[in-house]
């Protein structure tokens, strides 16, 4: 039993420190209101939420503005930021709470408060075709890139090319790899 507890402690410590826990925060607001976040929610700038590249959705993170010491707790519900050197994108409400609206960015420290207990996975629909030849070509392209795609045929004759049961923690790298292949119009379905 002690070995199991020590192993779990090691894994938790490794996982927490495998993420950037300090760096530059930015915020996003009105332009994104009403759009869908990466976890499927509708973005609301007046809720204490944030985007992070790798932390599991529903992780609670305490963000401290290094300059003034102000803190805010946010829930991860989106992916980003996609600007080099930034570690977290805050909702406007969260950015106001730590007094960084005027500057637009702030040096911050992140502290993971709570992580979801259940593993999170997602399915990515890479493409959907009415022409089976195109679907087969896309599946071949994905296999050549190292993916294990599946296909399914809907009752309307549409063939969907999917990546299924993707761990959320791998989502950023997989989406980035798809974008590098020129595939940027994907649909994500979260399953937990």
C-alpha atoms as a PDB file:
ATOM      1  CA  UNK A   1       0.000   0.000   0.000  1.00  0.00           C
ATOM      2  CA  UNK A   2       2.836   2.391   0.836  1.00  0.00           C
ATOM      3  CA  UNK A   3       4.393   1.752  -2.579  1.00  0.00           C
ATOM      4  CA  UNK A   4       1.133   2.607  -4.305  1.00  0.00           C
ATOM      5  CA  UNK A   5       0.774   5.847  -2.321  1.00  0.00           C
ATOM      6  CA  UNK A   6       4.371   6.845  -3.060  1.00  0.00           C
ATOM      7  CA  UNK A   7       3.861   6.084  -6.744  1.00  0.00           C
ATOM      8  CA  UNK A   8       0.678   8.191  -6.855  1.00  0.00           C
ATOM      9  CA  UNK A   9       2.445  11.041  -5.061  1.00  0.00           C
ATOM     10  CA  UNK A  10       5.284  10.861  -7.588  1.00  0.00           C
ATOM     11  CA  UNK A  11       2.861  10.867 -10.540  1.00  0.00           C
ATOM     12  CA  UNK A  12       0.888  13.804  -9.148  1.00  0.00           C
ATOM     13  CA  UNK A  13       4.064  15.792  -8.506  1.00  0.00           C
ATOM     14  CA  UNK A  14       5.416  14.987 -11.983  1.00  0.00           C
ATOM     15  CA  UNK A  15       2.112  15.931 -13.633  1.00  0.00           C
ATOM     16  CA  UNK A  16       1.781  19.228 -11.799  1.00  0.00           C
ATOM     17  CA  UNK A  17       5.341  20.270 -12.545  1.00  0.00           C
ATOM     18  CA  UNK A  18       5.127  19.208 -16.167  1.00  0.00           C
ATOM     19  CA  UNK A  19       3.045  22.341 -16.816  1.00  0.00           C
ATOM     20  CA  UNK A  20       4.348  25.901 -16.937  1.00  0.00           C
ATOM     21  CA  UNK A  21       3.387  27.349 -13.575  1.00  0.00           C
ATOM     22  CA  UNK A  22       4.597  30.872 -14.237  1.00  0.00           C
ATOM     23  CA  UNK A  23       4.839  33.190 -17.179  1.00  0.00           C
ATOM     24  CA  UNK A  24       2.777  35.769 -19.023  1.00  0.00           C
ATOM     25  CA  UNK A  25      -1.012  35.842 -18.817  1.00  0.00           C
ATOM     26  CA  UNK A  26      -3.262  37.569 -21.308  1.00  0.00           C
ATOM     27  CA  UNK A  27      -7.027  37.958 -21.431  1.00  0.00           C
ATOM     28  CA  UNK A  28      -9.786  37.645 -23.984  1.00  0.00           C
ATOM     29  CA  UNK A  29     -13.179  39.245 -23.908  1.00  0.00           C
ATOM     30  CA  UNK A  30     -16.086  40.675 -25.854  1.00  0.00           C
ATOM     31  CA  UNK A  31     -15.023  39.518 -29.313  1.00  0.00           C
ATOM     32  CA  UNK A  32     -15.360  35.883 -28.179  1.00  0.00           C
ATOM     33  CA  UNK A  33     -18.675  36.146 -26.305  1.00  0.00           C
ATOM     34  CA  UNK A  34     -21.122  33.531 -27.553  1.00  0.00           C
ATOM     35  CA  UNK A  35     -18.457  31.383 -29.207  1.00  0.00           C
ATOM     36  CA  UNK A  36     -17.920  27.797 -28.183  1.00  0.00           C
ATOM     37  CA  UNK A  37     -14.922  27.069 -25.963  1.00  0.00           C
ATOM     38  CA  UNK A  38     -12.811  23.950 -26.438  1.00  0.00           C
ATOM     39  CA  UNK A  39     -14.787  22.022 -23.821  1.00  0.00           C
ATOM     40  CA  UNK A  40     -18.088  22.822 -25.546  1.00  0.00           C
ATOM     41  CA  UNK A  41     -19.297  25.625 -23.254  1.00  0.00           C
ATOM     42  CA  UNK A  42     -20.344  28.998 -24.601  1.00  0.00           C
ATOM     43  CA  UNK A  43     -17.755  31.640 -23.691  1.00  0.00           C
ATOM     44  CA  UNK A  44     -18.930  34.212 -21.168  1.00  0.00           C
ATOM     45  CA  UNK A  45     -16.491  37.002 -20.390  1.00  0.00           C
ATOM     46  CA  UNK A  46     -18.078  37.658 -16.971  1.00  0.00           C
ATOM     47  CA  UNK A  47     -17.325  34.169 -15.594  1.00  0.00           C
ATOM     48  CA  UNK A  48     -14.021  33.258 -13.915  1.00  0.00           C
ATOM     49  CA  UNK A  49     -12.643  30.907 -16.573  1.00  0.00           C
ATOM     50  CA  UNK A  50      -9.415  30.540 -18.519  1.00  0.00           C
ATOM     51  CA  UNK A  51      -7.690  28.828 -21.418  1.00  0.00           C
ATOM     52  CA  UNK A  52      -4.583  26.677 -20.920  1.00  0.00           C
ATOM     53  CA  UNK A  53      -2.739  24.569 -23.478  1.00  0.00           C
ATOM     54  CA  UNK A  54      -2.614  21.290 -21.559  1.00  0.00           C
ATOM     55  CA  UNK A  55      -4.327  21.339 -18.158  1.00  0.00           C
ATOM     56  CA  UNK A  56      -7.445  19.148 -18.070  1.00  0.00           C
ATOM     57  CA  UNK A  57     -10.769  20.899 -18.390  1.00  0.00           C
ATOM     58  CA  UNK A  58     -12.373  21.831 -15.064  1.00  0.00           C
ATOM     59  CA  UNK A  59      -8.990  22.172 -13.353  1.00  0.00           C
ATOM     60  CA  UNK A  60      -9.157  25.003 -10.815  1.00  0.00           C
ATOM     61  CA  UNK A  61      -6.093  27.253 -10.962  1.00  0.00           C
ATOM     62  CA  UNK A  62      -5.146  30.144  -8.708  1.00  0.00           C
ATOM     63  CA  UNK A  63      -3.539  32.909 -10.771  1.00  0.00           C
ATOM     64  CA  UNK A  64      -1.403  35.484  -8.945  1.00  0.00           C
ATOM     65  CA  UNK A  65      -0.396  38.762 -10.573  1.00  0.00           C
ATOM     66  CA  UNK A  66       3.302  38.988  -9.606  1.00  0.00           C
ATOM     67  CA  UNK A  67       3.308  42.800  -9.824  1.00  0.00           C
ATOM     68  CA  UNK A  68       0.511  43.489  -7.325  1.00  0.00           C
ATOM     69  CA  UNK A  69      -0.034  40.164  -5.509  1.00  0.00           C
ATOM     70  CA  UNK A  70      -3.740  40.015  -6.456  1.00  0.00           C
ATOM     71  CA  UNK A  71      -5.148  36.509  -6.939  1.00  0.00           C
ATOM     72  CA  UNK A  72      -8.076  34.912  -8.724  1.00  0.00           C
ATOM     73  CA  UNK A  73      -9.269  31.324  -9.052  1.00  0.00           C
ATOM     74  CA  UNK A  74     -10.344  30.249 -12.506  1.00  0.00           C
ATOM     75  CA  UNK A  75     -11.678  27.071 -14.069  1.00  0.00           C
ATOM     76  CA  UNK A  76      -9.999  25.817 -17.253  1.00  0.00           C
ATOM     77  CA  UNK A  77     -12.597  25.487 -20.013  1.00  0.00           C
ATOM     78  CA  UNK A  78     -10.679  26.382 -23.163  1.00  0.00           C
ATOM     79  CA  UNK A  79      -7.384  25.822 -24.996  1.00  0.00           C
ATOM     80  CA  UNK A  80      -4.766  28.508 -25.545  1.00  0.00           C
ATOM     81  CA  UNK A  81      -3.113  30.936 -25.455  1.00  0.00           C
ATOM     82  CA  UNK A  82      -1.649  30.479 -28.904  1.00  0.00           C
ATOM     83  CA  UNK A  83       0.925  33.256 -28.638  1.00  0.00           C
ATOM     84  CA  UNK A  84       4.511  32.248 -27.879  1.00  0.00           C
ATOM     85  CA  UNK A  85       5.542  32.804 -24.278  1.00  0.00           C
ATOM     86  CA  UNK A  86       2.061  33.040 -22.785  1.00  0.00           C
ATOM     87  CA  UNK A  87       0.888  30.443 -20.263  1.00  0.00           C
ATOM     88  CA  UNK A  88      -2.786  31.286 -19.671  1.00  0.00           C
ATOM     89  CA  UNK A  89      -5.606  33.328 -21.208  1.00  0.00           C
ATOM     90  CA  UNK A  90      -8.048  34.706 -18.647  1.00  0.00           C
ATOM     91  CA  UNK A  91     -11.635  35.794 -19.106  1.00  0.00           C
ATOM     92  CA  UNK A  92     -12.149  39.555 -18.828  1.00  0.00           C
ATOM     93  CA  UNK A  93     -13.696  39.135 -15.353  1.00  0.00           C
ATOM     94  CA  UNK A  94     -10.638  37.193 -14.130  1.00  0.00           C
ATOM     95  CA  UNK A  95      -8.271  39.771 -15.644  1.00  0.00           C
ATOM     96  CA  UNK A  96     -10.177  42.587 -13.907  1.00  0.00           C
ATOM     97  CA  UNK A  97      -9.924  40.738 -10.589  1.00  0.00           C
ATOM     98  CA  UNK A  98      -6.109  40.764 -10.697  1.00  0.00           C
ATOM     99  CA  UNK A  99      -5.918  44.260 -12.192  1.00  0.00           C
ATOM    100  CA  UNK A 100      -4.351  43.509 -15.563  1.00  0.00           C
ATOM    101  CA  UNK A 101      -6.970  44.890 -17.976  1.00  0.00           C
ATOM    102  CA  UNK A 102      -5.085  48.106 -18.765  1.00  0.00           C
ATOM    103  CA  UNK A 103      -1.792  46.425 -19.602  1.00  0.00           C
ATOM    104  CA  UNK A 104      -3.380  43.477 -21.404  1.00  0.00           C
ATOM    105  CA  UNK A 105      -0.793  41.067 -20.040  1.00  0.00           C
ATOM    106  CA  UNK A 106       0.827  40.370 -16.680  1.00  0.00           C
ATOM    107  CA  UNK A 107       3.524  38.166 -15.253  1.00  0.00           C
ATOM    108  CA  UNK A 108       1.721  35.542 -13.201  1.00  0.00           C
ATOM    109  CA  UNK A 109       2.264  32.489 -11.074  1.00  0.00           C
ATOM    110  CA  UNK A 110      -0.145  29.571 -11.384  1.00  0.00           C
ATOM    111  CA  UNK A 111      -1.063  27.205  -8.584  1.00  0.00           C
ATOM    112  CA  UNK A 112      -3.158  24.139  -9.309  1.00  0.00           C
ATOM    113  CA  UNK A 113      -5.887  23.988  -6.660  1.00  0.00           C
ATOM    114  CA  UNK A 114      -8.010  21.095  -7.881  1.00  0.00           C
ATOM    115  CA  UNK A 115      -7.899  18.701 -10.810  1.00  0.00           C
ATOM    116  CA  UNK A 116     -10.748  16.555 -12.122  1.00  0.00           C
ATOM    117  CA  UNK A 117     -10.715  13.050 -10.698  1.00  0.00           C
ATOM    118  CA  UNK A 118     -12.084  11.333 -13.797  1.00  0.00           C
ATOM    119  CA  UNK A 119      -9.980  10.871 -16.933  1.00  0.00           C
ATOM    120  CA  UNK A 120     -11.175  13.026 -19.785  1.00  0.00           C
ATOM    121  CA  UNK A 121     -11.217  11.927 -23.399  1.00  0.00           C
ATOM    122  CA  UNK A 122     -12.451  13.366 -26.644  1.00  0.00           C
ATOM    123  CA  UNK A 123     -13.169  12.400 -30.209  1.00  0.00           C
ATOM    124  CA  UNK A 124     -11.949  14.579 -33.064  1.00  0.00           C
ATOM    125  CA  UNK A 125     -13.841  14.605 -36.340  1.00  0.00           C
ATOM    126  CA  UNK A 126     -11.098  15.431 -38.796  1.00  0.00           C
ATOM    127  CA  UNK A 127     -13.298  15.518 -41.878  1.00  0.00           C
ATOM    128  CA  UNK A 128     -16.674  14.489 -43.312  1.00  0.00           C
ATOM    129  CA  UNK A 129     -17.183  13.599 -46.965  1.00  0.00           C
ATOM    130  CA  UNK A 130     -20.037  12.563 -49.213  1.00  0.00           C
ATOM    131  CA  UNK A 131     -17.397  11.078 -51.527  1.00  0.00           C
ATOM    132  CA  UNK A 132     -15.864   7.877 -50.123  1.00  0.00           C
ATOM    133  CA  UNK A 133     -12.666   8.345 -52.171  1.00  0.00           C
ATOM    134  CA  UNK A 134     -11.915  11.606 -50.318  1.00  0.00           C
ATOM    135  CA  UNK A 135     -12.531   9.926 -46.961  1.00  0.00           C
ATOM    136  CA  UNK A 136     -10.141   7.087 -47.808  1.00  0.00           C
ATOM    137  CA  UNK A 137      -7.515   9.599 -48.959  1.00  0.00           C
ATOM    138  CA  UNK A 138      -7.788  11.549 -45.694  1.00  0.00           C
ATOM    139  CA  UNK A 139      -7.597   8.360 -43.632  1.00  0.00           C
ATOM    140  CA  UNK A 140      -4.413   7.368 -45.512  1.00  0.00           C
ATOM    141  CA  UNK A 141      -2.908  10.829 -44.915  1.00  0.00           C
ATOM    142  CA  UNK A 142      -3.587  10.522 -41.170  1.00  0.00           C
ATOM    143  CA  UNK A 143      -2.106   7.022 -40.993  1.00  0.00           C
ATOM    144  CA  UNK A 144       1.042   8.256 -42.758  1.00  0.00           C
ATOM    145  CA  UNK A 145       1.279  11.034 -40.118  1.00  0.00           C
ATOM    146  CA  UNK A 146       1.180   8.449 -37.315  1.00  0.00           C
ATOM    147  CA  UNK A 147      -2.484   8.649 -36.326  1.00  0.00           C
ATOM    148  CA  UNK A 148      -4.952   5.769 -35.964  1.00  0.00           C
ATOM    149  CA  UNK A 149      -8.082   7.149 -37.626  1.00  0.00           C
ATOM    150  CA  UNK A 150     -11.447   5.446 -37.868  1.00  0.00           C
ATOM    151  CA  UNK A 151     -14.273   6.020 -40.312  1.00  0.00           C
ATOM    152  CA  UNK A 152     -18.003   5.804 -39.897  1.00  0.00           C
ATOM    153  CA  UNK A 153     -20.811   6.063 -42.403  1.00  0.00           C
ATOM    154  CA  UNK A 154     -23.900   8.026 -41.395  1.00  0.00           C
ATOM    155  CA  UNK A 155     -27.398   7.118 -42.533  1.00  0.00           C
ATOM    156  CA  UNK A 156     -27.265  10.175 -44.816  1.00  0.00           C
ATOM    157  CA  UNK A 157     -24.251   8.817 -46.738  1.00  0.00           C
ATOM    158  CA  UNK A 158     -21.603  11.011 -45.088  1.00  0.00           C
ATOM    159  CA  UNK A 159     -18.327   9.308 -44.179  1.00  0.00           C
ATOM    160  CA  UNK A 160     -16.715  10.795 -41.100  1.00  0.00           C
ATOM    161  CA  UNK A 161     -12.974  10.447 -40.492  1.00  0.00           C
ATOM    162  CA  UNK A 162     -12.337  10.417 -36.744  1.00  0.00           C
ATOM    163  CA  UNK A 163      -9.627  10.198 -34.116  1.00  0.00           C
ATOM    164  CA  UNK A 164     -11.322   8.620 -31.123  1.00  0.00           C
ATOM    165  CA  UNK A 165     -10.694   8.293 -27.391  1.00  0.00           C
ATOM    166  CA  UNK A 166      -7.978  10.952 -27.327  1.00  0.00           C
ATOM    167  CA  UNK A 167      -6.851  11.831 -23.785  1.00  0.00           C
ATOM    168  CA  UNK A 168      -7.518  15.512 -23.126  1.00  0.00           C
ATOM    169  CA  UNK A 169      -3.936  15.948 -21.965  1.00  0.00           C
ATOM    170  CA  UNK A 170      -2.771  15.064 -25.497  1.00  0.00           C
ATOM    171  CA  UNK A 171      -5.285  17.317 -27.251  1.00  0.00           C
ATOM    172  CA  UNK A 172      -3.090  20.374 -27.777  1.00  0.00           C
ATOM    173  CA  UNK A 173      -0.280  18.406 -29.410  1.00  0.00           C
ATOM    174  CA  UNK A 174      -2.691  16.465 -31.618  1.00  0.00           C
ATOM    175  CA  UNK A 175      -4.569  19.571 -32.777  1.00  0.00           C
ATOM    176  CA  UNK A 176      -1.233  21.288 -33.482  1.00  0.00           C
ATOM    177  CA  UNK A 177      -0.057  18.280 -35.509  1.00  0.00           C
ATOM    178  CA  UNK A 178      -3.314  18.319 -37.508  1.00  0.00           C
ATOM    179  CA  UNK A 179      -2.882  22.045 -38.175  1.00  0.00           C
ATOM    180  CA  UNK A 180       0.673  21.379 -39.382  1.00  0.00           C
ATOM    181  CA  UNK A 181      -0.868  18.921 -41.879  1.00  0.00           C
ATOM    182  CA  UNK A 182      -3.180  21.706 -43.100  1.00  0.00           C
ATOM    183  CA  UNK A 183      -6.220  20.293 -41.287  1.00  0.00           C
ATOM    184  CA  UNK A 184      -7.796  23.107 -39.309  1.00  0.00           C
ATOM    185  CA  UNK A 185     -11.552  22.642 -39.627  1.00  0.00           C
ATOM    186  CA  UNK A 186     -12.075  19.959 -37.006  1.00  0.00           C
ATOM    187  CA  UNK A 187     -14.950  19.207 -34.655  1.00  0.00           C
ATOM    188  CA  UNK A 188     -14.258  18.113 -31.101  1.00  0.00           C
ATOM    189  CA  UNK A 189     -16.646  16.074 -28.989  1.00  0.00           C
ATOM    190  CA  UNK A 190     -15.754  15.750 -25.295  1.00  0.00           C
ATOM    191  CA  UNK A 191     -16.694  12.600 -23.441  1.00  0.00           C
ATOM    192  CA  UNK A 192     -16.038  13.302 -19.769  1.00  0.00           C
END
